[in-house]
Amino acid sequence: MGIGLADVIHERLFRKIDFQKTYLNSRVSLNPVPSKLPMHLASDEDALDLLLGHLGRPEPEEQRVVWIRNTLSLNRLLISAPLRHDAGKLAGWRLAPQEVRPQFDAEGNLPSVF
């Protein structure tokens, strides 16, 4: 449950969903909204392209994007350059000294190091 709160998910995640457990949890919680399915796309690049398209395709220097690999472990995440300045002001946040620019692989996915 909770997948319904996402805008898009990767096809890999969609294939891992146990629908019987998801639907049982939804019935018991009396709340079907968190178990609704978002669009699932074949690659990270497809997902980002779709979402940025809905925002009018802002230029890279205007894109405020956060990539969270695991919401249960927020100790490391990737943020776009426009957020770097703001994040550096937050108490308890430590930024890597160099800016990292994600590169998509041949399948359009971000490397697993992120």
PDB file of N, CA and C in Angstrom:
ATOM      1  N   MET A   1       0.852  -1.176   0.000  1.00  0.00           N
ATOM      2  CA  MET A   1       0.000   0.000   0.000  1.00  0.00           C
ATOM      3  C   MET A   1       0.890   1.229   0.000  1.00  0.00           C
ATOM      4  N   GLY A   2       0.370   2.328  -0.437  1.00  0.00           N
ATOM      5  CA  GLY A   2       1.140   3.549  -0.525  1.00  0.00           C
ATOM      6  C   GLY A   2       1.620   3.825  -1.929  1.00  0.00           C
ATOM      7  N   ILE A   3       1.628   2.817  -2.774  1.00  0.00           N
ATOM      8  CA  ILE A   3       2.077   2.997  -4.148  1.00  0.00           C
ATOM      9  C   ILE A   3       1.165   3.981  -4.871  1.00  0.00           C
ATOM     10  N   GLY A   4      -0.081   4.058  -4.455  1.00  0.00           N
ATOM     11  CA  GLY A   4      -1.044   4.963  -5.079  1.00  0.00           C
ATOM     12  C   GLY A   4      -0.743   6.426  -4.833  1.00  0.00           C
ATOM     13  N   LEU A   5       0.195   6.714  -3.949  1.00  0.00           N
ATOM     14  CA  LEU A   5       0.564   8.098  -3.686  1.00  0.00           C
ATOM     15  C   LEU A   5       1.634   8.590  -4.658  1.00  0.00           C
ATOM     16  N   ALA A   6       2.202   7.681  -5.448  1.00  0.00           N
ATOM     17  CA  ALA A   6       3.232   8.048  -6.435  1.00  0.00           C
ATOM     18  C   ALA A   6       2.571   8.525  -7.722  1.00  0.00           C
ATOM     19  N   ASP A   7       3.274   9.359  -8.461  1.00  0.00           N
ATOM     20  CA  ASP A   7       2.782   9.813  -9.760  1.00  0.00           C
ATOM     21  C   ASP A   7       3.093   8.784 -10.845  1.00  0.00           C
ATOM     22  N   VAL A   8       4.306   8.267 -10.839  1.00  0.00           N
ATOM     23  CA  VAL A   8       4.716   7.228 -11.776  1.00  0.00           C
ATOM     24  C   VAL A   8       5.650   6.269 -11.045  1.00  0.00           C
ATOM     25  N   ILE A   9       5.711   5.046 -11.534  1.00  0.00           N
ATOM     26  CA  ILE A   9       6.644   4.066 -10.997  1.00  0.00           C
ATOM     27  C   ILE A   9       7.344   3.381 -12.171  1.00  0.00           C
ATOM     28  N   HIS A  10       8.437   2.742 -11.864  1.00  0.00           N
ATOM     29  CA  HIS A  10       9.191   2.003 -12.876  1.00  0.00           C
ATOM     30  C   HIS A  10       8.499   0.661 -13.110  1.00  0.00           C
ATOM     31  N   GLU A  11       8.610   0.170 -14.311  1.00  0.00           N
ATOM     32  CA  GLU A  11       8.041  -1.141 -14.666  1.00  0.00           C
ATOM     33  C   GLU A  11       8.578  -2.240 -13.750  1.00  0.00           C
ATOM     34  N   ARG A  12       9.863  -2.113 -13.334  1.00  0.00           N
ATOM     35  CA  ARG A  12      10.458  -3.115 -12.422  1.00  0.00           C
ATOM     36  C   ARG A  12       9.646  -3.233 -11.136  1.00  0.00           C
ATOM     37  N   LEU A  13       9.266  -2.094 -10.560  1.00  0.00           N
ATOM     38  CA  LEU A  13       8.485  -2.102  -9.325  1.00  0.00           C
ATOM     39  C   LEU A  13       7.094  -2.669  -9.574  1.00  0.00           C
ATOM     40  N   PHE A  14       6.479  -2.288 -10.673  1.00  0.00           N
ATOM     41  CA  PHE A  14       5.147  -2.794 -10.989  1.00  0.00           C
ATOM     42  C   PHE A  14       5.129  -4.321 -11.016  1.00  0.00           C
ATOM     43  N   ARG A  15       6.149  -4.910 -11.630  1.00  0.00           N
ATOM     44  CA  ARG A  15       6.209  -6.373 -11.723  1.00  0.00           C
ATOM     45  C   ARG A  15       6.389  -7.053 -10.365  1.00  0.00           C
ATOM     46  N   LYS A  16       6.851  -6.320  -9.360  1.00  0.00           N
ATOM     47  CA  LYS A  16       7.078  -6.899  -8.030  1.00  0.00           C
ATOM     48  C   LYS A  16       5.871  -6.771  -7.100  1.00  0.00           C
ATOM     49  N   ILE A  17       4.841  -6.081  -7.512  1.00  0.00           N
ATOM     50  CA  ILE A  17       3.683  -5.865  -6.644  1.00  0.00           C
ATOM     51  C   ILE A  17       2.931  -7.173  -6.432  1.00  0.00           C
ATOM     52  N   ASP A  18       2.663  -7.484  -5.194  1.00  0.00           N
ATOM     53  CA  ASP A  18       1.835  -8.640  -4.844  1.00  0.00           C
ATOM     54  C   ASP A  18       0.411  -8.115  -4.684  1.00  0.00           C
ATOM     55  N   PHE A  19      -0.390  -8.253  -5.733  1.00  0.00           N
ATOM     56  CA  PHE A  19      -1.721  -7.661  -5.729  1.00  0.00           C
ATOM     57  C   PHE A  19      -2.636  -8.272  -4.684  1.00  0.00           C
ATOM     58  N   GLN A  20      -2.514  -9.561  -4.407  1.00  0.00           N
ATOM     59  CA  GLN A  20      -3.365 -10.170  -3.386  1.00  0.00           C
ATOM     60  C   GLN A  20      -3.124  -9.517  -2.024  1.00  0.00           C
ATOM     61  N   LYS A  21      -1.873  -9.320  -1.655  1.00  0.00           N
ATOM     62  CA  LYS A  21      -1.563  -8.677  -0.369  1.00  0.00           C
ATOM     63  C   LYS A  21      -1.975  -7.207  -0.379  1.00  0.00           C
ATOM     64  N   THR A  22      -1.734  -6.533  -1.495  1.00  0.00           N
ATOM     65  CA  THR A  22      -2.094  -5.119  -1.594  1.00  0.00           C
ATOM     66  C   THR A  22      -3.596  -4.936  -1.433  1.00  0.00           C
ATOM     67  N   TYR A  23      -4.374  -5.747  -2.126  1.00  0.00           N
ATOM     68  CA  TYR A  23      -5.829  -5.615  -2.055  1.00  0.00           C
ATOM     69  C   TYR A  23      -6.367  -6.018  -0.689  1.00  0.00           C
ATOM     70  N   LEU A  24      -5.773  -7.018  -0.072  1.00  0.00           N
ATOM     71  CA  LEU A  24      -6.183  -7.403   1.287  1.00  0.00           C
ATOM     72  C   LEU A  24      -5.910  -6.258   2.255  1.00  0.00           C
ATOM     73  N   ASN A  25      -4.731  -5.664   2.181  1.00  0.00           N
ATOM     74  CA  ASN A  25      -4.410  -4.521   3.047  1.00  0.00           C
ATOM     75  C   ASN A  25      -5.383  -3.377   2.823  1.00  0.00           C
ATOM     76  N   SER A  26      -5.738  -3.134   1.573  1.00  0.00           N
ATOM     77  CA  SER A  26      -6.668  -2.067   1.252  1.00  0.00           C
ATOM     78  C   SER A  26      -8.042  -2.327   1.860  1.00  0.00           C
ATOM     79  N   ARG A  27      -8.496  -3.560   1.769  1.00  0.00           N
ATOM     80  CA  ARG A  27      -9.812  -3.907   2.326  1.00  0.00           C
ATOM     81  C   ARG A  27      -9.825  -3.770   3.846  1.00  0.00           C
ATOM     82  N   VAL A  28      -8.783  -4.239   4.486  1.00  0.00           N
ATOM     83  CA  VAL A  28      -8.721  -4.196   5.950  1.00  0.00           C
ATOM     84  C   VAL A  28      -8.607  -2.758   6.448  1.00  0.00           C
ATOM     85  N   SER A  29      -7.865  -1.924   5.738  1.00  0.00           N
ATOM     86  CA  SER A  29      -7.679  -0.537   6.171  1.00  0.00           C
ATOM     87  C   SER A  29      -8.890   0.342   5.862  1.00  0.00           C
ATOM     88  N   LEU A  30      -9.810  -0.166   5.046  1.00  0.00           N
ATOM     89  CA  LEU A  30     -10.990   0.589   4.612  1.00  0.00           C
ATOM     90  C   LEU A  30     -10.594   1.870   3.872  1.00  0.00           C
ATOM     91  N   ASN A  31      -9.441   1.815   3.208  1.00  0.00           N
ATOM     92  CA  ASN A  31      -8.946   2.976   2.491  1.00  0.00           C
ATOM     93  C   ASN A  31      -8.313   2.515   1.180  1.00  0.00           C
ATOM     94  N   PRO A  32      -9.054   2.556   0.092  1.00  0.00           N
ATOM     95  CA  PRO A  32      -8.520   2.050  -1.176  1.00  0.00           C
ATOM     96  C   PRO A  32      -7.527   2.986  -1.864  1.00  0.00           C
ATOM     97  N   VAL A  33      -7.482   4.262  -1.498  1.00  0.00           N
ATOM     98  CA  VAL A  33      -6.651   5.225  -2.218  1.00  0.00           C
ATOM     99  C   VAL A  33      -5.171   4.834  -2.269  1.00  0.00           C
ATOM    100  N   PRO A  34      -4.532   4.435  -1.153  1.00  0.00           N
ATOM    101  CA  PRO A  34      -3.092   4.133  -1.239  1.00  0.00           C
ATOM    102  C   PRO A  34      -2.743   2.920  -2.098  1.00  0.00           C
ATOM    103  N   SER A  35      -3.735   2.137  -2.482  1.00  0.00           N
ATOM    104  CA  SER A  35      -3.422   0.966  -3.299  1.00  0.00           C
ATOM    105  C   SER A  35      -3.739   1.162  -4.780  1.00  0.00           C
ATOM    106  N   LYS A  36      -4.145   2.361  -5.159  1.00  0.00           N
ATOM    107  CA  LYS A  36      -4.367   2.636  -6.581  1.00  0.00           C
ATOM    108  C   LYS A  36      -3.031   2.600  -7.301  1.00  0.00           C
ATOM    109  N   LEU A  37      -3.066   2.271  -8.572  1.00  0.00           N
ATOM    110  CA  LEU A  37      -1.825   2.139  -9.328  1.00  0.00           C
ATOM    111  C   LEU A  37      -1.509   3.391 -10.137  1.00  0.00           C
ATOM    112  N   PRO A  38      -0.287   3.901  -9.974  1.00  0.00           N
ATOM    113  CA  PRO A  38       0.154   4.992 -10.835  1.00  0.00           C
ATOM    114  C   PRO A  38       0.579   4.442 -12.197  1.00  0.00           C
ATOM    115  N   MET A  39       0.832   5.308 -13.135  1.00  0.00           N
ATOM    116  CA  MET A  39       1.360   4.863 -14.420  1.00  0.00           C
ATOM    117  C   MET A  39       2.711   4.200 -14.175  1.00  0.00           C
ATOM    118  N   HIS A  40       2.984   3.144 -14.923  1.00  0.00           N
ATOM    119  CA  HIS A  40       4.287   2.488 -14.798  1.00  0.00           C
ATOM    120  C   HIS A  40       4.966   2.546 -16.147  1.00  0.00           C
ATOM    121  N   LEU A  41       6.211   3.028 -16.113  1.00  0.00           N
ATOM    122  CA  LEU A  41       6.955   3.273 -17.344  1.00  0.00           C
ATOM    123  C   LEU A  41       8.202   2.405 -17.399  1.00  0.00           C
ATOM    124  N   ALA A  42       8.706   2.221 -18.611  1.00  0.00           N
ATOM    125  CA  ALA A  42       9.792   1.275 -18.850  1.00  0.00           C
ATOM    126  C   ALA A  42      11.157   1.748 -18.375  1.00  0.00           C
ATOM    127  N   SER A  43      11.336   3.051 -18.153  1.00  0.00           N
ATOM    128  CA  SER A  43      12.656   3.517 -17.742  1.00  0.00           C
ATOM    129  C   SER A  43      12.551   4.780 -16.896  1.00  0.00           C
ATOM    130  N   ASP A  44      13.641   5.076 -16.200  1.00  0.00           N
ATOM    131  CA  ASP A  44      13.718   6.313 -15.414  1.00  0.00           C
ATOM    132  C   ASP A  44      13.618   7.533 -16.322  1.00  0.00           C
ATOM    133  N   GLU A  45      14.252   7.452 -17.479  1.00  0.00           N
ATOM    134  CA  GLU A  45      14.239   8.565 -18.421  1.00  0.00           C
ATOM    135  C   GLU A  45      12.825   8.827 -18.939  1.00  0.00           C
ATOM    136  N   ASP A  46      12.065   7.765 -19.226  1.00  0.00           N
ATOM    137  CA  ASP A  46      10.674   7.920 -19.666  1.00  0.00           C
ATOM    138  C   ASP A  46       9.839   8.602 -18.588  1.00  0.00           C
ATOM    139  N   ALA A  47      10.032   8.179 -17.348  1.00  0.00           N
ATOM    140  CA  ALA A  47       9.264   8.747 -16.239  1.00  0.00           C
ATOM    141  C   ALA A  47       9.588  10.227 -16.056  1.00  0.00           C
ATOM    142  N   LEU A  48      10.865  10.550 -16.050  1.00  0.00           N
ATOM    143  CA  LEU A  48      11.274  11.938 -15.873  1.00  0.00           C
ATOM    144  C   LEU A  48      10.790  12.804 -17.028  1.00  0.00           C
ATOM    145  N   ASP A  49      10.874  12.287 -18.237  1.00  0.00           N
ATOM    146  CA  ASP A  49      10.411  13.024 -19.408  1.00  0.00           C
ATOM    147  C   ASP A  49       8.913  13.307 -19.312  1.00  0.00           C
ATOM    148  N   LEU A  50       8.136  12.317 -18.901  1.00  0.00           N
ATOM    149  CA  LEU A  50       6.690  12.504 -18.760  1.00  0.00           C
ATOM    150  C   LEU A  50       6.378  13.561 -17.700  1.00  0.00           C
ATOM    151  N   LEU A  51       7.006  13.437 -16.537  1.00  0.00           N
ATOM    152  CA  LEU A  51       6.700  14.356 -15.443  1.00  0.00           C
ATOM    153  C   LEU A  51       7.147  15.782 -15.747  1.00  0.00           C
ATOM    154  N   LEU A  52       8.334  15.933 -16.315  1.00  0.00           N
ATOM    155  CA  LEU A  52       8.787  17.280 -16.665  1.00  0.00           C
ATOM    156  C   LEU A  52       7.935  17.858 -17.787  1.00  0.00           C
ATOM    157  N   GLY A  53       7.429  17.004 -18.668  1.00  0.00           N
ATOM    158  CA  GLY A  53       6.516  17.459 -19.708  1.00  0.00           C
ATOM    159  C   GLY A  53       5.236  18.033 -19.121  1.00  0.00           C
ATOM    160  N   HIS A  54       4.740  17.436 -18.054  1.00  0.00           N
ATOM    161  CA  HIS A  54       3.534  17.947 -17.396  1.00  0.00           C
ATOM    162  C   HIS A  54       3.784  19.297 -16.742  1.00  0.00           C
ATOM    163  N   LEU A  55       5.054  19.592 -16.465  1.00  0.00           N
ATOM    164  CA  LEU A  55       5.411  20.878 -15.851  1.00  0.00           C
ATOM    165  C   LEU A  55       5.805  21.925 -16.896  1.00  0.00           C
ATOM    166  N   GLY A  56       5.632  21.601 -18.153  1.00  0.00           N
ATOM    167  CA  GLY A  56       5.958  22.546 -19.211  1.00  0.00           C
ATOM    168  C   GLY A  56       7.406  22.493 -19.661  1.00  0.00           C
ATOM    169  N   ARG A  57       8.111  21.427 -19.334  1.00  0.00           N
ATOM    170  CA  ARG A  57       9.516  21.222 -19.718  1.00  0.00           C
ATOM    171  C   ARG A  57      10.423  22.367 -19.289  1.00  0.00           C
ATOM    172  N   PRO A  58      10.545  22.583 -17.990  1.00  0.00           N
ATOM    173  CA  PRO A  58      11.469  23.640 -17.559  1.00  0.00           C
ATOM    174  C   PRO A  58      12.894  23.315 -17.984  1.00  0.00           C
ATOM    175  N   GLU A  59      13.682  24.350 -18.176  1.00  0.00           N
ATOM    176  CA  GLU A  59      15.093  24.181 -18.528  1.00  0.00           C
ATOM    177  C   GLU A  59      15.804  23.475 -17.373  1.00  0.00           C
ATOM    178  N   PRO A  60      16.874  22.724 -17.654  1.00  0.00           N
ATOM    179  CA  PRO A  60      17.586  22.001 -16.594  1.00  0.00           C
ATOM    180  C   PRO A  60      17.952  22.870 -15.386  1.00  0.00           C
ATOM    181  N   GLU A  61      18.326  24.117 -15.613  1.00  0.00           N
ATOM    182  CA  GLU A  61      18.700  24.987 -14.486  1.00  0.00           C
ATOM    183  C   GLU A  61      17.505  25.413 -13.638  1.00  0.00           C
ATOM    184  N   GLU A  62      16.302  25.102 -14.091  1.00  0.00           N
ATOM    185  CA  GLU A  62      15.085  25.421 -13.341  1.00  0.00           C
ATOM    186  C   GLU A  62      14.442  24.178 -12.717  1.00  0.00           C
ATOM    187  N   GLN A  63      14.919  23.019 -13.036  1.00  0.00           N
ATOM    188  CA  GLN A  63      14.285  21.783 -12.577  1.00  0.00           C
ATOM    189  C   GLN A  63      14.642  21.505 -11.116  1.00  0.00           C
ATOM    190  N   ARG A  64      13.630  21.442 -10.282  1.00  0.00           N
ATOM    191  CA  ARG A  64      13.807  21.144  -8.859  1.00  0.00           C
ATOM    192  C   ARG A  64      13.339  19.706  -8.645  1.00  0.00           C
ATOM    193  N   VAL A  65      14.290  18.779  -8.743  1.00  0.00           N
ATOM    194  CA  VAL A  65      13.996  17.354  -8.742  1.00  0.00           C
ATOM    195  C   VAL A  65      14.754  16.673  -7.610  1.00  0.00           C
ATOM    196  N   VAL A  66      14.081  15.745  -6.937  1.00  0.00           N
ATOM    197  CA  VAL A  66      14.715  14.913  -5.917  1.00  0.00           C
ATOM    198  C   VAL A  66      14.522  13.464  -6.323  1.00  0.00           C
ATOM    199  N   TRP A  67      15.601  12.701  -6.335  1.00  0.00           N
ATOM    200  CA  TRP A  67      15.527  11.277  -6.640  1.00  0.00           C
ATOM    201  C   TRP A  67      15.792  10.530  -5.345  1.00  0.00           C
ATOM    202  N   ILE A  68      14.787   9.786  -4.879  1.00  0.00           N
ATOM    203  CA  ILE A  68      14.881   9.045  -3.617  1.00  0.00           C
ATOM    204  C   ILE A  68      14.864   7.563  -3.958  1.00  0.00           C
ATOM    205  N   ARG A  69      15.943   6.903  -3.661  1.00  0.00           N
ATOM    206  CA  ARG A  69      16.046   5.487  -3.973  1.00  0.00           C
ATOM    207  C   ARG A  69      15.164   4.646  -3.053  1.00  0.00           C
ATOM    208  N   ASN A  70      15.144   5.005  -1.780  1.00  0.00           N
ATOM    209  CA  ASN A  70      14.407   4.221  -0.798  1.00  0.00           C
ATOM    210  C   ASN A  70      13.863   5.171   0.259  1.00  0.00           C
ATOM    211  N   THR A  71      12.553   5.317   0.328  1.00  0.00           N
ATOM    212  CA  THR A  71      11.954   6.243   1.284  1.00  0.00           C
ATOM    213  C   THR A  71      12.118   5.784   2.727  1.00  0.00           C
ATOM    214  N   LEU A  72      12.531   4.544   2.944  1.00  0.00           N
ATOM    215  CA  LEU A  72      12.803   4.072   4.300  1.00  0.00           C
ATOM    216  C   LEU A  72      14.225   4.415   4.741  1.00  0.00           C
ATOM    217  N   SER A  73      15.029   4.891   3.822  1.00  0.00           N
ATOM    218  CA  SER A  73      16.405   5.248   4.120  1.00  0.00           C
ATOM    219  C   SER A  73      16.733   6.553   3.404  1.00  0.00           C
ATOM    220  N   LEU A  74      16.496   7.657   4.086  1.00  0.00           N
ATOM    221  CA  LEU A  74      16.667   8.966   3.468  1.00  0.00           C
ATOM    222  C   LEU A  74      18.047   9.567   3.745  1.00  0.00           C
ATOM    223  N   ASN A  75      18.994   8.731   4.114  1.00  0.00           N
ATOM    224  CA  ASN A  75      20.320   9.252   4.433  1.00  0.00           C
ATOM    225  C   ASN A  75      21.119   9.614   3.183  1.00  0.00           C
ATOM    226  N   ARG A  76      20.651   9.212   2.022  1.00  0.00           N
ATOM    227  CA  ARG A  76      21.352   9.551   0.784  1.00  0.00           C
ATOM    228  C   ARG A  76      20.319   9.709  -0.331  1.00  0.00           C
ATOM    229  N   LEU A  77      20.337  10.868  -0.952  1.00  0.00           N
ATOM    230  CA  LEU A  77      19.449  11.107  -2.076  1.00  0.00           C
ATOM    231  C   LEU A  77      20.130  12.047  -3.052  1.00  0.00           C
ATOM    232  N   LEU A  78      19.584  12.115  -4.230  1.00  0.00           N
ATOM    233  CA  LEU A  78      20.141  12.941  -5.292  1.00  0.00           C
ATOM    234  C   LEU A  78      19.189  14.100  -5.528  1.00  0.00           C
ATOM    235  N   ILE A  79      19.739  15.315  -5.564  1.00  0.00           N
ATOM    236  CA  ILE A  79      18.906  16.488  -5.821  1.00  0.00           C
ATOM    237  C   ILE A  79      19.470  17.236  -7.027  1.00  0.00           C
ATOM    238  N   SER A  80      18.589  17.931  -7.713  1.00  0.00           N
ATOM    239  CA  SER A  80      19.035  18.708  -8.871  1.00  0.00           C
ATOM    240  C   SER A  80      19.782  19.955  -8.395  1.00  0.00           C
ATOM    241  N   ALA A  81      20.562  20.515  -9.289  1.00  0.00           N
ATOM    242  CA  ALA A  81      21.405  21.665  -8.956  1.00  0.00           C
ATOM    243  C   ALA A  81      20.624  22.839  -8.345  1.00  0.00           C
ATOM    244  N   PRO A  82      19.422  23.179  -8.840  1.00  0.00           N
ATOM    245  CA  PRO A  82      18.701  24.301  -8.221  1.00  0.00           C
ATOM    246  C   PRO A  82      18.351  24.075  -6.750  1.00  0.00           C
ATOM    247  N   LEU A  83      18.285  22.835  -6.315  1.00  0.00           N
ATOM    248  CA  LEU A  83      17.986  22.555  -4.903  1.00  0.00           C
ATOM    249  C   LEU A  83      19.238  22.533  -4.043  1.00  0.00           C
ATOM    250  N   ARG A  84      20.392  22.411  -4.644  1.00  0.00           N
ATOM    251  CA  ARG A  84      21.641  22.290  -3.899  1.00  0.00           C
ATOM    252  C   ARG A  84      21.867  23.486  -2.972  1.00  0.00           C
ATOM    253  N   HIS A  85      21.628  24.680  -3.478  1.00  0.00           N
ATOM    254  CA  HIS A  85      21.819  25.882  -2.667  1.00  0.00           C
ATOM    255  C   HIS A  85      20.903  25.859  -1.449  1.00  0.00           C
ATOM    256  N   ASP A  86      19.628  25.542  -1.656  1.00  0.00           N
ATOM    257  CA  ASP A  86      18.662  25.501  -0.554  1.00  0.00           C
ATOM    258  C   ASP A  86      18.999  24.400   0.446  1.00  0.00           C
ATOM    259  N   ALA A  87      19.368  23.228  -0.047  1.00  0.00           N
ATOM    260  CA  ALA A  87      19.664  22.097   0.838  1.00  0.00           C
ATOM    261  C   ALA A  87      20.882  22.368   1.701  1.00  0.00           C
ATOM    262  N   GLY A  88      21.838  23.120   1.186  1.00  0.00           N
ATOM    263  CA  GLY A  88      23.036  23.436   1.951  1.00  0.00           C
ATOM    264  C   GLY A  88      22.755  24.271   3.183  1.00  0.00           C
ATOM    265  N   LYS A  89      21.612  24.926   3.223  1.00  0.00           N
ATOM    266  CA  LYS A  89      21.230  25.758   4.372  1.00  0.00           C
ATOM    267  C   LYS A  89      20.491  24.972   5.446  1.00  0.00           C
ATOM    268  N   LEU A  90      20.095  23.750   5.163  1.00  0.00           N
ATOM    269  CA  LEU A  90      19.301  22.968   6.104  1.00  0.00           C
ATOM    270  C   LEU A  90      20.181  22.359   7.190  1.00  0.00           C
ATOM    271  N   ALA A  91      19.723  22.474   8.422  1.00  0.00           N
ATOM    272  CA  ALA A  91      20.458  21.894   9.549  1.00  0.00           C
ATOM    273  C   ALA A  91      20.495  20.375   9.405  1.00  0.00           C
ATOM    274  N   GLY A  92      21.650  19.798   9.605  1.00  0.00           N
ATOM    275  CA  GLY A  92      21.793  18.349   9.554  1.00  0.00           C
ATOM    276  C   GLY A  92      22.038  17.782   8.179  1.00  0.00           C
ATOM    277  N   TRP A  93      21.991  18.608   7.158  1.00  0.00           N
ATOM    278  CA  TRP A  93      22.239  18.131   5.801  1.00  0.00           C
ATOM    279  C   TRP A  93      23.708  18.318   5.469  1.00  0.00           C
ATOM    280  N   ARG A  94      24.279  17.340   4.846  1.00  0.00           N
ATOM    281  CA  ARG A  94      25.667  17.408   4.400  1.00  0.00           C
ATOM    282  C   ARG A  94      25.671  17.098   2.910  1.00  0.00           C
ATOM    283  N   LEU A  95      26.243  17.984   2.138  1.00  0.00           N
ATOM    284  CA  LEU A  95      26.270  17.815   0.690  1.00  0.00           C
ATOM    285  C   LEU A  95      27.612  17.248   0.255  1.00  0.00           C
ATOM    286  N   ALA A  96      27.582  16.435  -0.767  1.00  0.00           N
ATOM    287  CA  ALA A  96      28.823  15.958  -1.362  1.00  0.00           C
ATOM    288  C   ALA A  96      29.554  17.170  -1.931  1.00  0.00           C
ATOM    289  N   PRO A  97      30.876  17.170  -1.872  1.00  0.00           N
ATOM    290  CA  PRO A  97      31.615  18.350  -2.331  1.00  0.00           C
ATOM    291  C   PRO A  97      31.467  18.628  -3.831  1.00  0.00           C
ATOM    292  N   GLN A  98      31.244  17.609  -4.619  1.00  0.00           N
ATOM    293  CA  GLN A  98      31.102  17.819  -6.054  1.00  0.00           C
ATOM    294  C   GLN A  98      29.644  17.624  -6.460  1.00  0.00           C
ATOM    295  N   GLU A  99      29.283  18.329  -7.510  1.00  0.00           N
ATOM    296  CA  GLU A  99      27.941  18.174  -8.059  1.00  0.00           C
ATOM    297  C   GLU A  99      27.911  16.905  -8.900  1.00  0.00           C
ATOM    298  N   VAL A 100      26.873  16.131  -8.746  1.00  0.00           N
ATOM    299  CA  VAL A 100      26.713  14.898  -9.506  1.00  0.00           C
ATOM    300  C   VAL A 100      25.610  15.115 -10.531  1.00  0.00           C
ATOM    301  N   ARG A 101      25.913  14.828 -11.756  1.00  0.00           N
ATOM    302  CA  ARG A 101      24.911  14.923 -12.819  1.00  0.00           C
ATOM    303  C   ARG A 101      24.579  13.505 -13.259  1.00  0.00           C
ATOM    304  N   PRO A 102      23.344  13.093 -13.053  1.00  0.00           N
ATOM    305  CA  PRO A 102      22.985  11.716 -13.412  1.00  0.00           C
ATOM    306  C   PRO A 102      23.062  11.485 -14.916  1.00  0.00           C
ATOM    307  N   GLN A 103      23.519  10.336 -15.278  1.00  0.00           N
ATOM    308  CA  GLN A 103      23.598   9.924 -16.674  1.00  0.00           C
ATOM    309  C   GLN A 103      22.769   8.657 -16.837  1.00  0.00           C
ATOM    310  N   PHE A 104      21.938   8.624 -17.841  1.00  0.00           N
ATOM    311  CA  PHE A 104      21.123   7.449 -18.100  1.00  0.00           C
ATOM    312  C   PHE A 104      21.941   6.415 -18.858  1.00  0.00           C
ATOM    313  N   ASP A 105      21.686   5.140 -18.566  1.00  0.00           N
ATOM    314  CA  ASP A 105      22.363   4.077 -19.289  1.00  0.00           C
ATOM    315  C   ASP A 105      21.659   3.835 -20.632  1.00  0.00           C
ATOM    316  N   ALA A 106      22.083   2.810 -21.357  1.00  0.00           N
ATOM    317  CA  ALA A 106      21.537   2.547 -22.694  1.00  0.00           C
ATOM    318  C   ALA A 106      20.033   2.241 -22.661  1.00  0.00           C
ATOM    319  N   GLU A 107      19.535   1.725 -21.537  1.00  0.00           N
ATOM    320  CA  GLU A 107      18.103   1.419 -21.405  1.00  0.00           C
ATOM    321  C   GLU A 107      17.299   2.610 -20.882  1.00  0.00           C
ATOM    322  N   GLY A 108      17.981   3.722 -20.592  1.00  0.00           N
ATOM    323  CA  GLY A 108      17.276   4.906 -20.095  1.00  0.00           C
ATOM    324  C   GLY A 108      17.103   4.917 -18.587  1.00  0.00           C
ATOM    325  N   ASN A 109      17.888   4.152 -17.875  1.00  0.00           N
ATOM    326  CA  ASN A 109      17.783   4.093 -16.417  1.00  0.00           C
ATOM    327  C   ASN A 109      18.990   4.754 -15.752  1.00  0.00           C
ATOM    328  N   LEU A 110      18.773   5.216 -14.540  1.00  0.00           N
ATOM    329  CA  LEU A 110      19.876   5.757 -13.763  1.00  0.00           C
ATOM    330  C   LEU A 110      20.677   4.602 -13.185  1.00  0.00           C
ATOM    331  N   PRO A 111      21.986   4.744 -13.076  1.00  0.00           N
ATOM    332  CA  PRO A 111      22.786   3.665 -12.484  1.00  0.00           C
ATOM    333  C   PRO A 111      22.361   3.417 -11.032  1.00  0.00           C
ATOM    334  N   SER A 112      22.557   2.222 -10.571  1.00  0.00           N
ATOM    335  CA  SER A 112      22.126   1.858  -9.216  1.00  0.00           C
ATOM    336  C   SER A 112      22.931   2.553  -8.125  1.00  0.00           C
ATOM    337  N   VAL A 113      24.021   3.235  -8.459  1.00  0.00           N
ATOM    338  CA  VAL A 113      24.801   3.917  -7.434  1.00  0.00           C
ATOM    339  C   VAL A 113      24.042   5.058  -6.794  1.00  0.00           C
ATOM    340  N   PHE A 114      23.040   5.600  -7.472  1.00  0.00           N
ATOM    341  CA  PHE A 114      22.228   6.655  -6.896  1.00  0.00           C
ATOM    342  C   PHE A 114      21.298   6.006  -5.950  1.00  0.00           C
TER     343      PHE A 114
END
